[in-house]
């Protein structure tokens, strides 16, 4: 069985980190799939999906690391071409990734004790984001 769900979130702009785990768990329960695999994706090139412990200290550490990895303050070729100031957003999204896959067992995502699935807004403005969750299993 294959189920597709749309998850809509509102972001505050650059570096807004949102815990997707409760919504994903809810959708898995709705799907009635007990054993399988799930994948969540952001169809776009300025957002990112990963896992981390969703706790203020480590979220701040993550944001600082992302800033060191692809600083907002340096010139980007994209900005020269498009003048939209979000060249850093595209680079961050590409480096972190736009999807995350996970196993499902007994109707729940298999994650570590302190592991949550998160969306990271990389764009330089607030956005309404449409994420796609696909669940495959039985």
Protein backbone atom coordinates (compact mmCIF):
# COMPACT_ATOMS: atom_id res chain seq x y z
CA UNK A 1 0.00 0.00 0.00
CA UNK A 2 1.21 3.53 -0.80
CA UNK A 3 -0.12 6.68 0.87
CA UNK A 4 0.77 10.30 0.06
CA UNK A 5 0.19 13.23 2.39
CA UNK A 6 0.74 16.95 2.10
CA UNK A 7 2.02 18.76 5.18
CA UNK A 8 1.79 22.56 5.09
CA UNK A 9 3.93 24.62 7.45
CA UNK A 10 4.48 28.34 7.90
CA UNK A 11 8.04 29.50 8.51
CA UNK A 12 9.51 32.71 9.93
CA UNK A 13 12.40 32.81 7.45
CA UNK A 14 16.09 31.97 7.64
CA UNK A 15 17.05 29.43 10.32
CA UNK A 16 13.53 28.63 11.49
CA UNK A 17 13.69 24.97 12.57
CA UNK A 18 10.39 23.09 12.86
CA UNK A 19 9.91 19.66 14.43
CA UNK A 20 7.99 17.55 11.89
CA UNK A 21 7.95 14.38 13.99
CA UNK A 22 4.50 14.79 15.60
CA UNK A 23 2.81 15.51 12.26
CA UNK A 24 4.63 12.65 10.52
CA UNK A 25 3.68 10.25 13.35
CA UNK A 26 0.04 11.38 13.08
CA UNK A 27 0.01 10.73 9.33
CA UNK A 28 1.58 7.28 9.78
CA UNK A 29 -1.20 6.42 12.24
CA UNK A 30 -3.82 7.70 9.75
CA UNK A 31 -2.30 5.56 7.00
CA UNK A 32 -2.80 2.38 9.06
CA UNK A 33 0.51 1.14 7.65
CA UNK A 34 2.25 -0.85 10.38
CA UNK A 35 5.45 -1.96 8.64
CA UNK A 36 7.20 -0.09 5.85
CA UNK A 37 9.15 2.99 4.98
CA UNK A 38 8.39 6.70 4.94
CA UNK A 39 9.97 9.57 3.08
CA UNK A 40 9.37 13.29 3.57
CA UNK A 41 10.53 15.79 0.95
CA UNK A 42 10.44 19.54 0.41
CA UNK A 43 9.82 20.16 -3.29
CA UNK A 44 12.05 23.19 -3.55
CA UNK A 45 15.65 24.34 -3.42
CA UNK A 46 15.74 26.67 -0.40
CA UNK A 47 14.55 24.40 2.41
CA UNK A 48 16.13 21.39 4.11
CA UNK A 49 15.10 18.28 6.03
CA UNK A 50 17.29 16.37 8.46
CA UNK A 51 17.26 14.86 11.94
CA UNK A 52 18.54 16.29 15.20
CA UNK A 53 17.62 16.43 18.85
CA UNK A 54 14.96 19.16 18.89
CA UNK A 55 16.29 21.03 21.90
CA UNK A 56 17.15 24.77 22.03
CA UNK A 57 20.87 24.35 22.69
CA UNK A 58 21.56 21.93 19.86
CA UNK A 59 19.25 23.87 17.51
CA UNK A 60 21.34 27.00 18.18
CA UNK A 61 24.52 24.99 17.62
CA UNK A 62 23.11 23.72 14.32
CA UNK A 63 22.22 27.24 13.15
CA UNK A 64 25.72 28.48 14.00
CA UNK A 65 27.29 25.54 12.14
CA UNK A 66 25.12 26.19 9.08
CA UNK A 67 26.16 29.86 9.13
CA UNK A 68 29.84 28.82 9.16
CA UNK A 69 29.23 26.30 6.36
CA UNK A 70 27.42 28.72 3.99
CA UNK A 71 27.54 32.27 5.40
CA UNK A 72 24.91 34.80 4.40
CA UNK A 73 27.54 37.52 4.31
CA UNK A 74 29.65 36.34 1.35
CA UNK A 75 28.97 36.97 -2.35
CA UNK A 76 27.06 34.31 -4.30
CA UNK A 77 26.85 34.03 -8.10
CA UNK A 78 23.13 33.35 -7.78
CA UNK A 79 22.60 36.77 -6.21
CA UNK A 80 24.46 38.48 -9.03
CA UNK A 81 22.19 36.80 -11.55
CA UNK A 82 18.85 37.11 -9.74
CA UNK A 83 19.36 39.90 -7.17
CA UNK A 84 17.18 38.12 -4.62
CA UNK A 85 19.77 37.74 -1.84
CA UNK A 86 19.15 34.05 -1.27
CA UNK A 87 22.16 32.42 -2.89
CA UNK A 88 23.18 31.15 0.54
CA UNK A 89 19.75 29.51 0.87
CA UNK A 90 20.24 27.34 -2.20
CA UNK A 91 23.71 26.25 -1.06
CA UNK A 92 22.49 25.38 2.44
CA UNK A 93 19.59 23.36 1.08
CA UNK A 94 21.88 21.43 -1.26
CA UNK A 95 24.39 20.65 1.49
CA UNK A 96 21.84 19.54 4.09
CA UNK A 97 19.40 17.84 1.72
CA UNK A 98 15.73 18.11 0.86
CA UNK A 99 14.44 14.72 2.01
CA UNK A 100 14.66 12.15 4.76
CA UNK A 101 13.65 8.47 4.67
CA UNK A 102 12.95 6.31 7.70
CA UNK A 103 11.69 2.81 8.53
CA UNK A 104 8.26 2.26 10.07
CA UNK A 105 7.67 -0.52 12.59
CA UNK A 106 4.49 -1.17 14.56
CA UNK A 107 2.95 1.95 13.04
CA UNK A 108 5.69 4.32 14.25
CA UNK A 109 8.78 5.86 12.69
CA UNK A 110 11.97 4.21 13.93
CA UNK A 111 14.03 7.08 15.36
CA UNK A 112 16.60 7.31 18.12
CA UNK A 113 15.56 8.35 21.62
CA UNK A 114 16.61 11.97 21.08
CA UNK A 115 16.11 12.08 17.31
CA UNK A 116 13.43 14.16 15.62
CA UNK A 117 12.79 14.89 11.94
CA UNK A 118 13.09 18.64 11.33
CA UNK A 119 12.55 21.15 8.55
CA UNK A 120 15.06 24.00 8.29
CA UNK A 121 14.02 27.15 6.49
CA UNK A 122 17.02 28.27 4.48
CA UNK A 123 15.30 31.04 2.50
CA UNK A 124 15.69 34.70 3.43
CA UNK A 125 11.99 35.33 4.03
CA UNK A 126 8.98 33.69 5.69
CA UNK A 127 7.41 31.01 3.54
CA UNK A 128 4.40 28.75 3.36
CA UNK A 129 5.94 25.34 2.67
CA UNK A 130 4.28 22.26 1.21
CA UNK A 131 6.04 19.06 2.23
CA UNK A 132 5.18 15.67 0.76
CA UNK A 133 5.16 12.55 2.95
CA UNK A 134 5.02 9.20 1.18
CA UNK A 135 4.44 6.03 3.20
CA UNK A 136 4.91 2.60 1.62
CA UNK A 137 4.15 -0.64 3.43
CA UNK A 138 1.48 -2.90 4.80
